[in-house]
């Protein structure tokens, strides 16, 4: 069962990336592009319709809305186009760029925030 959940999670990740690519592909109809962009943005956004801190219901939207949106968009796109987009998504996920400079910047921002909070607390 754990293997199936892991496969399902990977396929969701791949399909979200494929929807992002579909929103920019000329072979996809405009209405499917619009919904694909919305679903990909919702799936990748840290802001949810129902906040995750609400017990059970908070995660329920992620377990229902995102897969349902993916399913609807996939139904709007031709099968051969979707297969091509999934292949592109697989390649993009394998070749994800990694930026040492970007990681350094994020770490510096976190350190600056921690130092600032420490300074504010120490000052009072």
Protein backbone atom coordinates (compact mmCIF):
# COMPACT_ATOMS: atom_id res chain seq x y z
CA UNK A 1 0.00 0.00 0.00
CA UNK A 2 2.86 2.41 0.81
CA UNK A 3 4.33 1.75 -2.64
CA UNK A 4 1.04 2.66 -4.29
CA UNK A 5 0.82 5.92 -2.32
CA UNK A 6 4.39 6.79 -3.29
CA UNK A 7 3.60 6.10 -6.98
CA UNK A 8 0.41 8.17 -6.74
CA UNK A 9 2.29 11.10 -5.18
CA UNK A 10 4.94 10.99 -7.93
CA UNK A 11 2.29 10.87 -10.63
CA UNK A 12 0.50 13.87 -9.08
CA UNK A 13 3.80 15.79 -9.05
CA UNK A 14 4.45 14.85 -12.68
CA UNK A 15 0.91 15.77 -13.74
CA UNK A 16 1.07 19.17 -12.01
CA UNK A 17 4.28 19.88 -13.94
CA UNK A 18 2.57 18.64 -17.13
CA UNK A 19 -0.35 21.01 -16.47
CA UNK A 20 2.09 23.88 -16.05
CA UNK A 21 3.56 22.96 -19.44
CA UNK A 22 0.06 22.55 -20.92
CA UNK A 23 -0.83 26.11 -19.92
CA UNK A 24 1.99 27.27 -22.22
CA UNK A 25 1.51 24.80 -25.08
CA UNK A 26 -0.07 25.92 -28.36
CA UNK A 27 -1.67 22.50 -28.96
CA UNK A 28 -3.92 22.91 -25.92
CA UNK A 29 -7.27 24.75 -26.25
CA UNK A 30 -7.55 28.09 -24.43
CA UNK A 31 -10.12 26.85 -21.88
CA UNK A 32 -7.91 23.89 -20.96
CA UNK A 33 -4.92 26.26 -20.71
CA UNK A 34 -6.83 28.49 -18.30
CA UNK A 35 -7.92 25.61 -16.08
CA UNK A 36 -4.46 24.01 -16.27
CA UNK A 37 -2.84 27.26 -15.13
CA UNK A 38 -5.33 27.56 -12.27
CA UNK A 39 -4.88 23.97 -11.09
CA UNK A 40 -1.08 24.13 -11.33
CA UNK A 41 -1.02 27.46 -9.48
CA UNK A 42 -3.32 26.11 -6.76
CA UNK A 43 -1.29 22.92 -6.37
CA UNK A 44 2.00 24.82 -6.13
CA UNK A 45 0.69 27.71 -4.02
CA UNK A 46 1.31 27.76 -0.28
CA UNK A 47 -2.14 29.36 0.13
CA UNK A 48 -5.04 26.89 0.29
CA UNK A 49 -8.78 27.30 0.00
CA UNK A 50 -9.08 25.72 3.46
CA UNK A 51 -6.01 26.28 5.70
CA UNK A 52 -4.07 23.13 6.58
CA UNK A 53 -4.10 23.88 10.33
CA UNK A 54 -7.82 23.03 10.46
CA UNK A 55 -7.88 19.35 11.48
CA UNK A 56 -8.85 16.84 8.77
CA UNK A 57 -10.71 19.36 6.57
CA UNK A 58 -7.50 21.35 5.95
CA UNK A 59 -5.85 18.46 4.13
CA UNK A 60 -9.08 17.26 2.56
CA UNK A 61 -9.01 20.03 -0.05
CA UNK A 62 -5.51 18.97 -1.12
CA UNK A 63 -6.66 15.36 -1.40
CA UNK A 64 -9.82 16.17 -3.38
CA UNK A 65 -9.51 19.51 -5.21
CA UNK A 66 -6.05 19.02 -6.75
CA UNK A 67 -6.60 15.46 -8.08
CA UNK A 68 -10.08 16.40 -9.33
CA UNK A 69 -8.70 19.47 -11.10
CA UNK A 70 -5.91 17.41 -12.65
CA UNK A 71 -8.43 14.83 -13.81
CA UNK A 72 -10.68 17.47 -15.40
CA UNK A 73 -7.84 19.17 -17.27
CA UNK A 74 -6.43 15.85 -18.51
CA UNK A 75 -9.88 15.03 -19.93
CA UNK A 76 -9.81 18.33 -21.91
CA UNK A 77 -6.43 17.65 -23.54
CA UNK A 78 -5.87 15.20 -26.40
CA UNK A 79 -4.26 11.95 -25.27
CA UNK A 80 -1.19 12.20 -27.50
CA UNK A 81 -0.59 15.81 -26.42
CA UNK A 82 -0.92 14.84 -22.75
CA UNK A 83 1.49 11.92 -23.22
CA UNK A 84 4.01 14.31 -24.76
CA UNK A 85 3.53 16.80 -21.92
CA UNK A 86 4.04 14.04 -19.34
CA UNK A 87 7.30 13.04 -21.04
CA UNK A 88 8.43 16.68 -20.98
CA UNK A 89 7.45 16.90 -17.30
CA UNK A 90 9.45 13.76 -16.48
CA UNK A 91 12.50 15.23 -18.22
CA UNK A 92 12.05 18.58 -16.48
CA UNK A 93 11.75 16.94 -13.06
CA UNK A 94 14.89 14.87 -13.67
CA UNK A 95 16.91 17.86 -14.88
CA UNK A 96 15.73 20.29 -12.21
CA UNK A 97 18.20 23.12 -11.89
CA UNK A 98 19.90 23.48 -8.55
CA UNK A 99 21.30 26.81 -7.58
CA UNK A 100 23.96 27.06 -4.90
CA UNK A 101 23.63 30.86 -5.05
CA UNK A 102 19.84 30.61 -4.58
CA UNK A 103 20.23 28.27 -1.61
CA UNK A 104 22.83 30.61 -0.10
CA UNK A 105 20.45 33.56 -0.52
CA UNK A 106 17.56 31.72 1.17
CA UNK A 107 19.81 30.66 4.07
CA UNK A 108 21.03 34.26 4.47
CA UNK A 109 17.43 35.53 4.57
CA UNK A 110 16.53 32.97 7.26
CA UNK A 111 19.60 33.86 9.31
CA UNK A 112 18.79 37.57 8.99
CA UNK A 113 15.21 36.92 10.14
CA UNK A 114 16.39 34.89 13.13
CA UNK A 115 18.92 37.57 14.09
CA UNK A 116 16.28 40.29 13.75
CA UNK A 117 13.76 38.37 15.91
CA UNK A 118 16.50 37.72 18.47
CA UNK A 119 17.42 41.41 18.48
CA UNK A 120 13.77 42.47 18.94
CA UNK A 121 13.26 39.98 21.79
CA UNK A 122 16.57 40.89 23.46
CA UNK A 123 15.83 44.63 23.17
CA UNK A 124 12.56 44.33 25.13
